[in-house]
Amino acid sequence: MQEKDDISTSEEGINLKELFKIVWEAKGFVVLVSFLFFAFSVYYVKSLPDSYSAYGTYLPSADSEVTLSSGGLGDMARMAGLNIPVSENDKVTLALEILRSRKFLRDLILQKEILPNIGWNLTSDEVAKMPKEEKEELLQSATASLSGTFQVSKPRASKIVRIYVNSGDPLFAKQLVEWLIEGVNETMAEDDVIEAKKSIEYLKTQASKTSVSDLKKLFYGMIESHVTTIMLAEVNKEYVFKTLDPPVLPIWPTGINKLKIVVWISIAGLVSSIGILLLVFYLGYQIVEPKLFRYTLRKI
């Protein structure tokens, strides 16, 4: 048994030496195939677009949370003897929904001339001159494309909101984060101002119709609250989101590691060339190189 194992081991050693000799004699073939794989990998990674990531960190401002008990409705409920639980009107949740809405993104595309940055070399004036159906189709496609460039992150246990933008243009990635926050702050402020002015007109009308002093006092208190809302919305530029960490211009591309792609494709080329040699060997042939980069099959 010992003698048999020695013979088997010896035969394996001879076979391995023969295989190594075959690979060595066709080393030019191995180098050529590996180089072709390497050249393809370099061409491939150069065709991949660079992607840059920018993000900003934001915190809800003091004006973004309004409770029911702080308004005139709470005062009216208490006067009527009703026990209404205090519920928080979270403007942050509404702002995040607006941020993802198609209307908001469509307005942003036209206002900031974003179309060239997301694949359409058109201006807002050119879009306005388009036929209605063509314009609608374009804006729907552009809105979907823009929606895919950014991501909003807000953990449930935290009030911090982060907006991430990925784009092939680092400057656009940074600007889009800023435009999204500025736009949602302005939209929320404008909506609150409009609603407050409508409420003031209504309350003034109701106050002029009543002769009850307590009701007049309540109505004017509610008017004062809405005036305060208008003042805060017009003065505070960071009406809903306060900037905690502004976005910076990304310098290094993110995403796919191109160096790893080149390395792995090159390794695949080396393994493939050796595999071809072994396949030819097991078929009873051998690749020989009589001249530089000229190969022939020789029967073993």
Protein backbone atom coordinates (compact mmCIF):
# COMPACT_ATOMS: atom_id res chain seq x y z
CA MET A 1 0.00 0.00 0.00
CA GLN A 2 2.81 2.37 0.88
CA GLU A 3 4.51 1.59 -2.45
CA LYS A 4 1.25 2.25 -4.32
CA ASP A 5 0.78 5.66 -2.66
CA ASP A 6 4.35 6.65 -3.58
CA ILE A 7 3.75 5.74 -7.23
CA SER A 8 0.45 7.73 -7.30
CA THR A 9 2.10 10.77 -5.75
CA SER A 10 4.97 10.54 -8.22
CA GLU A 11 2.57 10.36 -11.16
CA GLU A 12 0.67 13.41 -9.90
CA GLY A 13 3.93 15.31 -9.64
CA ILE A 14 4.85 14.42 -13.19
CA ASN A 15 1.40 15.45 -14.47
CA LEU A 16 1.61 18.80 -12.73
CA LYS A 17 5.06 19.40 -14.19
CA GLU A 18 3.76 18.58 -17.65
CA LEU A 19 0.84 20.99 -17.26
CA PHE A 20 3.14 23.71 -16.03
CA LYS A 21 5.45 23.06 -18.99
CA ILE A 22 2.50 23.34 -21.40
CA VAL A 23 1.43 26.66 -19.87
CA TRP A 24 5.00 27.94 -19.90
CA GLU A 25 5.56 27.04 -23.54
CA ALA A 26 2.42 29.00 -24.47
CA LYS A 27 3.07 31.86 -22.08
CA GLY A 28 2.76 34.33 -24.94
CA PHE A 29 -0.80 33.10 -25.53
CA VAL A 30 -1.57 33.56 -21.82
CA VAL A 31 -0.13 37.08 -21.88
CA LEU A 32 -2.06 37.97 -25.04
CA VAL A 33 -5.44 36.75 -23.74
CA SER A 34 -4.87 38.39 -20.36
CA PHE A 35 -3.93 41.66 -22.06
CA LEU A 36 -7.06 41.57 -24.22
CA PHE A 37 -9.20 41.10 -21.12
CA PHE A 38 -7.33 43.94 -19.40
CA ALA A 39 -7.81 46.27 -22.39
CA PHE A 40 -11.52 45.44 -22.48
CA SER A 41 -11.85 46.15 -18.74
CA VAL A 42 -10.17 49.54 -19.12
CA TYR A 43 -12.44 50.43 -22.05
CA TYR A 44 -15.47 49.26 -20.11
CA VAL A 45 -14.77 51.24 -16.92
CA LYS A 46 -14.02 54.36 -18.96
CA SER A 47 -17.46 54.06 -20.57
CA LEU A 48 -19.11 54.03 -17.14
CA PRO A 49 -20.21 57.53 -16.06
CA ASP A 50 -18.83 58.94 -12.83
CA SER A 51 -21.37 59.47 -10.07
CA TYR A 52 -21.00 62.11 -7.38
CA SER A 53 -22.96 62.18 -4.14
CA ALA A 54 -23.88 65.25 -2.10
CA TYR A 55 -26.03 65.44 1.00
CA GLY A 56 -27.33 67.95 3.52
CA THR A 57 -28.50 67.48 7.10
CA TYR A 58 -31.50 69.41 8.39
CA LEU A 59 -33.46 69.81 11.58
CA PRO A 60 -37.11 70.90 11.95
CA SER A 61 -37.25 74.58 12.81
CA ALA A 62 -39.16 75.91 15.80
CA ASP A 63 -41.98 77.05 13.52
CA SER A 64 -42.50 73.63 11.94
CA GLU A 65 -44.47 72.16 14.85
CA VAL A 66 -47.78 73.75 15.80
CA THR A 67 -50.04 72.16 18.37
CA LEU A 68 -53.77 72.31 18.48
CA SER A 69 -53.80 73.90 21.93
CA SER A 70 -51.76 76.91 20.75
CA GLY A 71 -54.39 78.09 18.24
CA GLY A 72 -57.79 79.68 18.48
CA LEU A 73 -59.51 76.38 17.87
CA GLY A 74 -58.16 75.07 21.16
CA ASP A 75 -59.41 78.18 22.98
CA MET A 76 -62.84 77.79 21.42
CA ALA A 77 -62.96 74.12 22.44
CA ARG A 78 -62.08 74.94 26.04
CA MET A 79 -64.76 77.66 26.15
CA ALA A 80 -67.31 75.10 24.98
CA GLY A 81 -66.19 72.71 27.72
CA LEU A 82 -64.82 70.12 25.33
CA ASN A 83 -61.76 68.07 26.21
CA ILE A 84 -59.90 67.73 22.91
CA PRO A 85 -56.56 65.95 23.16
CA VAL A 86 -53.58 67.93 21.98
CA SER A 87 -52.48 66.57 18.61
CA GLU A 88 -49.35 67.71 16.82
CA ASN A 89 -49.71 69.04 13.31
CA ASP A 90 -46.36 67.90 12.04
CA LYS A 91 -45.43 70.16 9.19
CA VAL A 92 -42.28 68.14 8.64
CA THR A 93 -44.30 65.13 7.50
CA LEU A 94 -46.31 67.31 5.13
CA ALA A 95 -43.12 68.97 3.86
CA LEU A 96 -41.54 65.61 3.07
CA GLU A 97 -44.62 64.56 1.12
CA ILE A 98 -44.50 67.82 -0.83
CA LEU A 99 -40.81 67.24 -1.49
CA ARG A 100 -41.62 63.94 -3.21
CA SER A 101 -44.71 65.20 -5.03
CA ARG A 102 -44.82 65.44 -8.82
CA LYS A 103 -46.16 69.00 -8.77
CA PHE A 104 -43.29 70.25 -6.63
CA LEU A 105 -40.66 68.51 -8.76
CA ARG A 106 -42.25 69.71 -11.99
CA ASP A 107 -42.24 73.34 -10.78
CA LEU A 108 -38.63 72.97 -9.66
CA ILE A 109 -37.58 71.61 -13.06
CA LEU A 110 -39.06 74.60 -14.86
CA GLN A 111 -37.97 77.25 -12.35
CA LYS A 112 -34.34 76.12 -12.03
CA GLU A 113 -33.85 75.03 -15.68
CA ILE A 114 -32.93 71.49 -14.59
CA LEU A 115 -33.81 69.69 -17.85
CA PRO A 116 -30.24 69.82 -19.32
CA ASN A 117 -28.88 68.22 -16.12
CA ILE A 118 -31.18 65.20 -16.34
CA GLY A 119 -30.89 64.42 -20.04
CA TRP A 120 -33.01 66.96 -21.96
CA ASN A 121 -31.23 69.83 -23.68
CA LEU A 122 -34.23 72.14 -23.49
CA THR A 123 -35.08 75.42 -21.78
CA SER A 124 -38.29 76.24 -19.98
CA ASP A 125 -39.30 78.61 -22.81
CA GLU A 126 -38.88 75.82 -25.37
CA VAL A 127 -40.96 73.49 -23.22
CA ALA A 128 -43.70 76.11 -22.93
CA LYS A 129 -43.98 76.29 -26.74
CA MET A 130 -44.48 72.53 -27.09
CA PRO A 131 -47.88 70.98 -27.84
CA LYS A 132 -49.79 70.12 -24.68
CA GLU A 133 -49.52 66.34 -25.01
CA GLU A 134 -45.81 66.42 -25.89
CA LYS A 135 -45.11 68.81 -23.04
CA GLU A 136 -46.98 66.64 -20.56
CA GLU A 137 -45.13 63.51 -21.67
CA LEU A 138 -41.78 65.29 -21.37
CA LEU A 139 -42.49 66.67 -17.90
CA GLN A 140 -43.68 63.29 -16.63
CA SER A 141 -40.47 61.63 -17.84
CA ALA A 142 -38.31 64.44 -16.45
CA THR A 143 -40.10 64.33 -13.09
CA ALA A 144 -39.54 60.58 -12.81
CA SER A 145 -35.88 61.03 -13.74
CA LEU A 146 -35.38 63.80 -11.19
CA SER A 147 -37.14 61.78 -8.49
CA GLY A 148 -34.61 59.00 -9.01
CA THR A 149 -31.63 61.28 -8.39
CA PHE A 150 -32.33 62.04 -4.74
CA GLN A 151 -33.30 60.20 -1.58
CA VAL A 152 -34.77 61.50 1.68
CA SER A 153 -33.82 59.82 4.94
CA LYS A 154 -35.61 60.39 8.26
CA PRO A 155 -35.34 57.74 10.99
CA ARG A 156 -38.47 57.37 13.11
CA ALA A 157 -36.61 57.87 16.37
CA SER A 158 -34.89 61.04 15.17
CA LYS A 159 -35.98 64.45 13.93
CA ILE A 160 -32.95 64.80 11.68
CA VAL A 161 -33.65 64.78 7.94
CA ARG A 162 -30.97 64.04 5.34
CA ILE A 163 -31.26 64.55 1.61
CA TYR A 164 -28.89 62.63 -0.68
CA VAL A 165 -28.38 63.47 -4.37
CA ASN A 166 -26.45 61.34 -6.89
CA SER A 167 -25.47 62.89 -10.20
CA GLY A 168 -22.73 62.81 -12.81
CA ASP A 169 -22.23 66.55 -12.25
CA PRO A 170 -20.84 67.30 -8.76
CA LEU A 171 -21.97 70.94 -8.87
CA PHE A 172 -25.51 69.96 -9.81
CA ALA A 173 -25.57 67.37 -7.01
CA LYS A 174 -24.76 70.08 -4.45
CA GLN A 175 -27.15 72.62 -5.97
CA LEU A 176 -30.05 70.20 -6.13
CA VAL A 177 -29.84 69.52 -2.39
CA GLU A 178 -30.00 73.27 -1.77
CA TRP A 179 -32.83 73.80 -4.27
CA LEU A 180 -34.93 71.02 -2.76
CA ILE A 181 -34.70 72.46 0.76
CA GLU A 182 -35.17 76.07 -0.35
CA GLY A 183 -38.12 75.07 -2.51
CA VAL A 184 -39.97 73.11 0.17
CA ASN A 185 -39.41 75.88 2.75
CA GLU A 186 -40.75 78.49 0.35
CA THR A 187 -43.72 76.33 -0.67
CA MET A 188 -44.74 75.64 2.92
CA ALA A 189 -44.34 79.29 3.88
CA GLU A 190 -46.40 80.51 0.91
CA ASP A 191 -49.17 77.99 1.61
CA ASP A 192 -49.36 79.01 5.26
CA VAL A 193 -49.46 82.69 4.35
CA ILE A 194 -52.32 82.12 1.90
CA GLU A 195 -54.29 80.07 4.43
CA ALA A 196 -53.64 82.59 7.20
CA LYS A 197 -54.85 85.51 5.08
CA LYS A 198 -58.03 83.63 4.16
CA SER A 199 -58.63 82.85 7.84
CA ILE A 200 -58.07 86.47 8.84
CA GLU A 201 -60.65 87.69 6.31
CA TYR A 202 -63.15 85.13 7.55
CA LEU A 203 -62.54 85.91 11.24
CA LYS A 204 -62.88 89.64 10.64
CA THR A 205 -66.22 89.03 9.01
CA GLN A 206 -67.41 86.86 11.90
CA ALA A 207 -66.18 89.38 14.48
CA SER A 208 -68.15 92.17 12.82
CA LYS A 209 -71.33 90.08 12.89
CA THR A 210 -71.32 89.18 16.58
CA SER A 211 -72.15 91.38 19.53
CA VAL A 212 -70.84 88.99 22.17
CA SER A 213 -67.68 90.47 23.69
CA ASP A 214 -66.17 87.09 24.55
CA LEU A 215 -66.55 85.90 20.97
CA LYS A 216 -65.08 89.14 19.63
CA LYS A 217 -62.12 88.68 21.97
CA LEU A 218 -61.69 85.08 20.78
CA PHE A 219 -61.89 86.04 17.11
CA TYR A 220 -59.33 88.83 17.46
CA GLY A 221 -57.05 86.46 19.40
CA MET A 222 -57.24 84.01 16.51
CA ILE A 223 -56.56 86.83 14.06
CA GLU A 224 -53.48 87.76 16.08
CA SER A 225 -52.28 84.15 15.89
CA HIS A 226 -52.63 84.13 12.10
CA VAL A 227 -50.83 87.46 11.80
CA THR A 228 -47.96 85.93 13.75
CA THR A 229 -47.94 82.99 11.33
CA ILE A 230 -47.69 85.37 8.36
CA MET A 231 -44.86 87.31 10.01
CA LEU A 232 -42.86 84.16 10.77
CA ALA A 233 -43.41 82.74 7.29
CA GLU A 234 -42.29 85.93 5.56
CA VAL A 235 -39.28 86.59 7.79
CA ASN A 236 -37.89 83.09 8.36
CA LYS A 237 -36.31 81.62 5.21
CA GLU A 238 -35.83 78.29 6.99
CA TYR A 239 -39.50 78.00 7.80
CA VAL A 240 -39.71 74.21 8.07
CA PHE A 241 -36.15 72.90 7.85
CA LYS A 242 -33.16 74.49 9.54
CA THR A 243 -29.76 73.71 8.03
CA LEU A 244 -27.61 71.67 10.38
CA ASP A 245 -24.93 70.59 7.90
CA PRO A 246 -25.07 72.19 4.43
CA PRO A 247 -24.09 70.19 1.33
CA VAL A 248 -20.53 70.54 0.06
CA LEU A 249 -19.16 70.11 -3.43
CA PRO A 250 -18.20 66.42 -3.83
CA ILE A 251 -14.65 65.91 -5.08
CA TRP A 252 -14.35 62.14 -5.42
CA PRO A 253 -16.80 60.01 -7.41
CA THR A 254 -18.78 57.39 -5.55
CA GLY A 255 -20.48 54.18 -6.50
CA ILE A 256 -18.78 51.47 -8.54
CA ASN A 257 -15.14 50.71 -7.69
CA LYS A 258 -13.59 50.81 -11.16
CA LEU A 259 -10.20 49.52 -10.03
CA LYS A 260 -11.79 46.34 -8.70
CA ILE A 261 -13.55 45.80 -12.03
CA VAL A 262 -10.24 46.05 -13.91
CA VAL A 263 -8.50 43.66 -11.49
CA TRP A 264 -11.24 41.02 -11.56
CA ILE A 265 -11.65 41.09 -15.36
CA SER A 266 -7.87 40.79 -15.76
CA ILE A 267 -7.83 37.80 -13.41
CA ALA A 268 -10.70 36.28 -15.39
CA GLY A 269 -8.59 36.67 -18.55
CA LEU A 270 -5.64 34.89 -16.94
CA VAL A 271 -7.82 32.02 -15.73
CA SER A 272 -9.59 31.76 -19.11
CA SER A 273 -6.30 31.54 -21.03
CA ILE A 274 -5.01 28.76 -18.76
CA GLY A 275 -8.37 27.00 -19.03
CA ILE A 276 -8.15 27.04 -22.83
CA LEU A 277 -4.67 25.51 -22.69
CA LEU A 278 -5.86 22.76 -20.35
CA LEU A 279 -8.90 22.05 -22.51
CA VAL A 280 -6.75 21.74 -25.62
CA PHE A 281 -4.33 19.52 -23.68
CA TYR A 282 -7.08 17.12 -22.61
CA LEU A 283 -8.24 16.94 -26.24
CA GLY A 284 -4.78 15.67 -27.13
CA TYR A 285 -3.26 18.84 -28.56
CA GLN A 286 -0.86 21.54 -27.45
CA ILE A 287 -0.70 25.21 -28.39
CA VAL A 288 2.80 26.09 -29.52
CA GLU A 289 4.31 29.40 -30.52
CA PRO A 290 6.83 28.95 -33.32
CA LYS A 291 6.99 32.73 -33.88
CA LEU A 292 5.98 35.76 -31.88
CA PHE A 293 2.18 35.80 -31.37
CA ARG A 294 1.69 33.09 -34.00
CA TYR A 295 0.14 29.94 -32.59
CA THR A 296 -0.43 26.47 -33.97
CA LEU A 297 -1.92 23.24 -32.60
CA ARG A 298 0.45 20.32 -32.21
CA LYS A 299 -0.80 16.82 -31.52
CA ILE A 300 0.68 15.36 -28.38
